[in-house]
Amino acid sequence: MRKLIILIAMSMVAFGSEYKVGDTISPMKLVDQFGVLHSLDRTPKTIIMTFEKEPSSKVHKFLANKPKDYLTANGATFIAEISQMPKFVSKMFALPAMRKYNHPVLLISDENVGERFPAQDDKITIIKSENGQIKSINFVSNISSL
């Protein structure tokens, strides 16, 4: 019984901790700004993530001048963590604005999923992976770093 309790406690720590270099990101299903479900069974080569409005605006500005398939062609995925945004605001304002973008935006609306990803205030999180394993995590504040 004691071993079972220790195993459960270790599992909770492992599944609830923030991703770090060397980890493998768990497969997940996310919807995009149009409500289309995307399965991320394999970790993309590059994940561009935002958690706040200003960094998100910088990414959208950067991608606005790129071809529609720019992210896919470069093995990248853009994910916006919106779990802290009030549902009313996301439904009435944010999602309609996002539908104008030429690029896909995958959305994390479950804070339990979002809290696993590392973030810094006013920064864009860039996660690079190789063979499904995280190789680097960087936090950038300007578009030229993308």
C-alpha atoms as a PDB file:
ATOM      1  CA  MET A   1       0.000   0.000   0.000  1.00  0.00           C
ATOM      2  CA  ARG A   2       2.809   2.373   0.870  1.00  0.00           C
ATOM      3  CA  LYS A   3       4.451   1.803  -2.534  1.00  0.00           C
ATOM      4  CA  LEU A   4       1.147   2.584  -4.250  1.00  0.00           C
ATOM      5  CA  ILE A   5       0.806   5.894  -2.407  1.00  0.00           C
ATOM      6  CA  ILE A   6       4.373   6.865  -3.306  1.00  0.00           C
ATOM      7  CA  LEU A   7       3.773   5.921  -6.948  1.00  0.00           C
ATOM      8  CA  ILE A   8       0.586   8.005  -7.095  1.00  0.00           C
ATOM      9  CA  ALA A   9       2.334  10.994  -5.493  1.00  0.00           C
ATOM     10  CA  MET A  10       5.243  10.764  -7.946  1.00  0.00           C
ATOM     11  CA  SER A  11       2.832  10.537 -10.879  1.00  0.00           C
ATOM     12  CA  MET A  12       0.998  13.661  -9.737  1.00  0.00           C
ATOM     13  CA  VAL A  13       4.287  15.576  -9.558  1.00  0.00           C
ATOM     14  CA  ALA A  14       5.414  14.296 -12.969  1.00  0.00           C
ATOM     15  CA  PHE A  15       2.126  15.076 -14.688  1.00  0.00           C
ATOM     16  CA  GLY A  16       1.616  18.418 -13.001  1.00  0.00           C
ATOM     17  CA  SER A  17       5.096  19.872 -13.381  1.00  0.00           C
ATOM     18  CA  GLU A  18       6.181  22.394 -15.974  1.00  0.00           C
ATOM     19  CA  TYR A  19       7.862  21.086 -19.107  1.00  0.00           C
ATOM     20  CA  LYS A  20      11.651  21.385 -19.197  1.00  0.00           C
ATOM     21  CA  VAL A  21      14.482  20.499 -21.561  1.00  0.00           C
ATOM     22  CA  GLY A  22      14.607  16.732 -22.035  1.00  0.00           C
ATOM     23  CA  ASP A  23      10.872  16.211 -21.497  1.00  0.00           C
ATOM     24  CA  THR A  24       8.445  14.914 -24.074  1.00  0.00           C
ATOM     25  CA  ILE A  25       5.278  16.965 -24.475  1.00  0.00           C
ATOM     26  CA  SER A  26       2.169  14.890 -23.937  1.00  0.00           C
ATOM     27  CA  PRO A  27      -0.110  14.446 -26.954  1.00  0.00           C
ATOM     28  CA  MET A  28      -2.995  16.890 -26.876  1.00  0.00           C
ATOM     29  CA  LYS A  29      -6.023  17.934 -28.834  1.00  0.00           C
ATOM     30  CA  LEU A  30      -6.548  21.659 -29.340  1.00  0.00           C
ATOM     31  CA  VAL A  31      -9.033  23.659 -31.356  1.00  0.00           C
ATOM     32  CA  ASP A  32      -7.985  26.508 -33.588  1.00  0.00           C
ATOM     33  CA  GLN A  33      -9.644  29.906 -33.910  1.00  0.00           C
ATOM     34  CA  PHE A  34     -12.268  28.379 -36.239  1.00  0.00           C
ATOM     35  CA  GLY A  35     -13.174  25.563 -33.839  1.00  0.00           C
ATOM     36  CA  VAL A  36     -11.368  22.882 -35.883  1.00  0.00           C
ATOM     37  CA  LEU A  37      -9.857  20.162 -33.702  1.00  0.00           C
ATOM     38  CA  HIS A  38      -6.137  19.479 -34.158  1.00  0.00           C
ATOM     39  CA  SER A  39      -4.379  16.449 -32.681  1.00  0.00           C
ATOM     40  CA  LEU A  40      -0.807  17.064 -31.640  1.00  0.00           C
ATOM     41  CA  ASP A  41       0.253  13.460 -31.311  1.00  0.00           C
ATOM     42  CA  ARG A  42       3.851  14.379 -32.111  1.00  0.00           C
ATOM     43  CA  THR A  43       5.644  17.421 -30.791  1.00  0.00           C
ATOM     44  CA  PRO A  44       6.209  19.977 -33.550  1.00  0.00           C
ATOM     45  CA  LYS A  45       9.803  20.992 -34.307  1.00  0.00           C
ATOM     46  CA  THR A  46       9.013  24.493 -33.037  1.00  0.00           C
ATOM     47  CA  ILE A  47       6.212  25.660 -30.752  1.00  0.00           C
ATOM     48  CA  ILE A  48       5.595  29.387 -30.535  1.00  0.00           C
ATOM     49  CA  MET A  49       3.490  30.113 -27.465  1.00  0.00           C
ATOM     50  CA  THR A  50       1.913  33.190 -25.982  1.00  0.00           C
ATOM     51  CA  PHE A  51       0.117  33.693 -22.696  1.00  0.00           C
ATOM     52  CA  GLU A  52      -0.731  37.398 -22.890  1.00  0.00           C
ATOM     53  CA  LYS A  53      -2.186  39.856 -25.371  1.00  0.00           C
ATOM     54  CA  GLU A  54       0.936  41.922 -26.155  1.00  0.00           C
ATOM     55  CA  PRO A  55       3.269  39.001 -26.981  1.00  0.00           C
ATOM     56  CA  SER A  56       0.445  37.434 -28.984  1.00  0.00           C
ATOM     57  CA  SER A  57       0.058  40.650 -30.994  1.00  0.00           C
ATOM     58  CA  LYS A  58       3.772  40.564 -31.805  1.00  0.00           C
ATOM     59  CA  VAL A  59       3.511  37.018 -33.160  1.00  0.00           C
ATOM     60  CA  HIS A  60       0.455  37.899 -35.243  1.00  0.00           C
ATOM     61  CA  LYS A  61       2.278  40.928 -36.625  1.00  0.00           C
ATOM     62  CA  PHE A  62       5.275  38.752 -37.520  1.00  0.00           C
ATOM     63  CA  LEU A  63       3.111  36.117 -39.230  1.00  0.00           C
ATOM     64  CA  ALA A  64       0.939  38.661 -41.072  1.00  0.00           C
ATOM     65  CA  ASN A  65       3.606  39.080 -43.764  1.00  0.00           C
ATOM     66  CA  LYS A  66       4.280  35.379 -44.176  1.00  0.00           C
ATOM     67  CA  PRO A  67       2.601  32.894 -46.534  1.00  0.00           C
ATOM     68  CA  LYS A  68      -0.426  31.050 -45.157  1.00  0.00           C
ATOM     69  CA  ASP A  69       1.531  27.791 -44.839  1.00  0.00           C
ATOM     70  CA  TYR A  70       4.607  29.420 -43.246  1.00  0.00           C
ATOM     71  CA  LEU A  71       4.228  27.649 -39.902  1.00  0.00           C
ATOM     72  CA  THR A  72       3.571  24.218 -41.407  1.00  0.00           C
ATOM     73  CA  ALA A  73       6.393  24.603 -43.936  1.00  0.00           C
ATOM     74  CA  ASN A  74       8.784  25.342 -41.078  1.00  0.00           C
ATOM     75  CA  GLY A  75       7.584  22.569 -38.753  1.00  0.00           C
ATOM     76  CA  ALA A  76       6.115  25.117 -36.375  1.00  0.00           C
ATOM     77  CA  THR A  77       2.881  25.534 -34.464  1.00  0.00           C
ATOM     78  CA  PHE A  78       1.523  28.692 -32.842  1.00  0.00           C
ATOM     79  CA  ILE A  79      -0.361  28.122 -29.591  1.00  0.00           C
ATOM     80  CA  ALA A  80      -2.137  30.796 -27.576  1.00  0.00           C
ATOM     81  CA  GLU A  81      -2.917  29.980 -23.961  1.00  0.00           C
ATOM     82  CA  ILE A  82      -6.277  31.680 -23.311  1.00  0.00           C
ATOM     83  CA  SER A  83      -7.506  29.848 -20.220  1.00  0.00           C
ATOM     84  CA  GLN A  84      -7.268  32.976 -18.066  1.00  0.00           C
ATOM     85  CA  MET A  85      -9.358  35.008 -20.496  1.00  0.00           C
ATOM     86  CA  PRO A  86     -13.001  35.292 -19.450  1.00  0.00           C
ATOM     87  CA  LYS A  87     -15.167  33.091 -21.713  1.00  0.00           C
ATOM     88  CA  PHE A  88     -17.363  36.046 -22.653  1.00  0.00           C
ATOM     89  CA  VAL A  89     -14.341  38.068 -23.813  1.00  0.00           C
ATOM     90  CA  SER A  90     -12.883  35.201 -25.825  1.00  0.00           C
ATOM     91  CA  LYS A  91     -16.196  34.353 -27.489  1.00  0.00           C
ATOM     92  CA  MET A  92     -17.321  37.901 -28.258  1.00  0.00           C
ATOM     93  CA  PHE A  93     -14.019  39.642 -29.041  1.00  0.00           C
ATOM     94  CA  ALA A  94     -10.854  37.522 -29.172  1.00  0.00           C
ATOM     95  CA  LEU A  95     -12.051  34.656 -31.378  1.00  0.00           C
ATOM     96  CA  PRO A  96     -13.709  36.896 -33.987  1.00  0.00           C
ATOM     97  CA  ALA A  97     -10.475  38.924 -34.173  1.00  0.00           C
ATOM     98  CA  MET A  98      -8.383  35.749 -34.497  1.00  0.00           C
ATOM     99  CA  ARG A  99     -10.521  34.496 -37.375  1.00  0.00           C
ATOM    100  CA  LYS A 100      -9.137  37.351 -39.468  1.00  0.00           C
ATOM    101  CA  TYR A 101      -5.602  35.939 -39.249  1.00  0.00           C
ATOM    102  CA  ASN A 102      -4.165  34.101 -42.225  1.00  0.00           C
ATOM    103  CA  HIS A 103      -2.354  31.626 -39.958  1.00  0.00           C
ATOM    104  CA  PRO A 104      -3.684  28.945 -37.617  1.00  0.00           C
ATOM    105  CA  VAL A 105      -3.775  29.654 -33.887  1.00  0.00           C
ATOM    106  CA  LEU A 106      -4.236  26.628 -31.655  1.00  0.00           C
ATOM    107  CA  LEU A 107      -5.927  27.520 -28.401  1.00  0.00           C
ATOM    108  CA  ILE A 108      -5.394  26.201 -24.895  1.00  0.00           C
ATOM    109  CA  SER A 109      -8.498  26.950 -22.885  1.00  0.00           C
ATOM    110  CA  ASP A 110      -7.840  24.437 -20.087  1.00  0.00           C
ATOM    111  CA  GLU A 111      -5.558  25.913 -17.442  1.00  0.00           C
ATOM    112  CA  ASN A 112      -4.408  22.422 -16.437  1.00  0.00           C
ATOM    113  CA  VAL A 113      -2.908  21.998 -19.916  1.00  0.00           C
ATOM    114  CA  GLY A 114      -1.555  25.536 -20.078  1.00  0.00           C
ATOM    115  CA  GLU A 115       0.204  25.478 -16.731  1.00  0.00           C
ATOM    116  CA  ARG A 116       2.528  22.740 -17.963  1.00  0.00           C
ATOM    117  CA  PHE A 117       4.109  25.139 -20.449  1.00  0.00           C
ATOM    118  CA  PRO A 118       6.821  27.496 -19.211  1.00  0.00           C
ATOM    119  CA  ALA A 119       6.124  31.230 -19.477  1.00  0.00           C
ATOM    120  CA  GLN A 120       7.578  34.568 -18.502  1.00  0.00           C
ATOM    121  CA  ASP A 121       5.687  37.843 -18.215  1.00  0.00           C
ATOM    122  CA  ASP A 122       5.499  39.798 -21.479  1.00  0.00           C
ATOM    123  CA  LYS A 123       7.518  37.154 -23.368  1.00  0.00           C
ATOM    124  CA  ILE A 124       6.933  34.748 -26.229  1.00  0.00           C
ATOM    125  CA  THR A 125       7.881  31.167 -25.376  1.00  0.00           C
ATOM    126  CA  ILE A 126       9.785  29.299 -28.091  1.00  0.00           C
ATOM    127  CA  ILE A 127      10.106  25.544 -27.574  1.00  0.00           C
ATOM    128  CA  LYS A 128      12.365  23.610 -29.950  1.00  0.00           C
ATOM    129  CA  SER A 129      12.164  19.845 -30.106  1.00  0.00           C
ATOM    130  CA  GLU A 130      13.865  17.001 -31.873  1.00  0.00           C
ATOM    131  CA  ASN A 131      12.386  13.514 -32.182  1.00  0.00           C
ATOM    132  CA  GLY A 132       9.614  14.565 -29.783  1.00  0.00           C
ATOM    133  CA  GLN A 133      11.974  15.630 -27.007  1.00  0.00           C
ATOM    134  CA  ILE A 134      12.358  19.254 -25.889  1.00  0.00           C
ATOM    135  CA  LYS A 135      15.826  20.510 -26.821  1.00  0.00           C
ATOM    136  CA  SER A 136      15.474  24.166 -25.806  1.00  0.00           C
ATOM    137  CA  ILE A 137      13.067  26.631 -24.230  1.00  0.00           C
ATOM    138  CA  ASN A 138      13.613  30.329 -24.869  1.00  0.00           C
ATOM    139  CA  PHE A 139      11.707  33.437 -23.901  1.00  0.00           C
ATOM    140  CA  VAL A 140      11.854  36.318 -26.355  1.00  0.00           C
ATOM    141  CA  SER A 141      10.304  39.743 -26.332  1.00  0.00           C
ATOM    142  CA  ASN A 142      10.709  40.942 -29.905  1.00  0.00           C
ATOM    143  CA  ILE A 143       9.649  39.784 -33.319  1.00  0.00           C
ATOM    144  CA  SER A 144      13.181  39.638 -34.741  1.00  0.00           C
ATOM    145  CA  SER A 145      13.956  36.792 -32.315  1.00  0.00           C
ATOM    146  CA  LEU A 146      11.375  34.639 -34.060  1.00  0.00           C
END
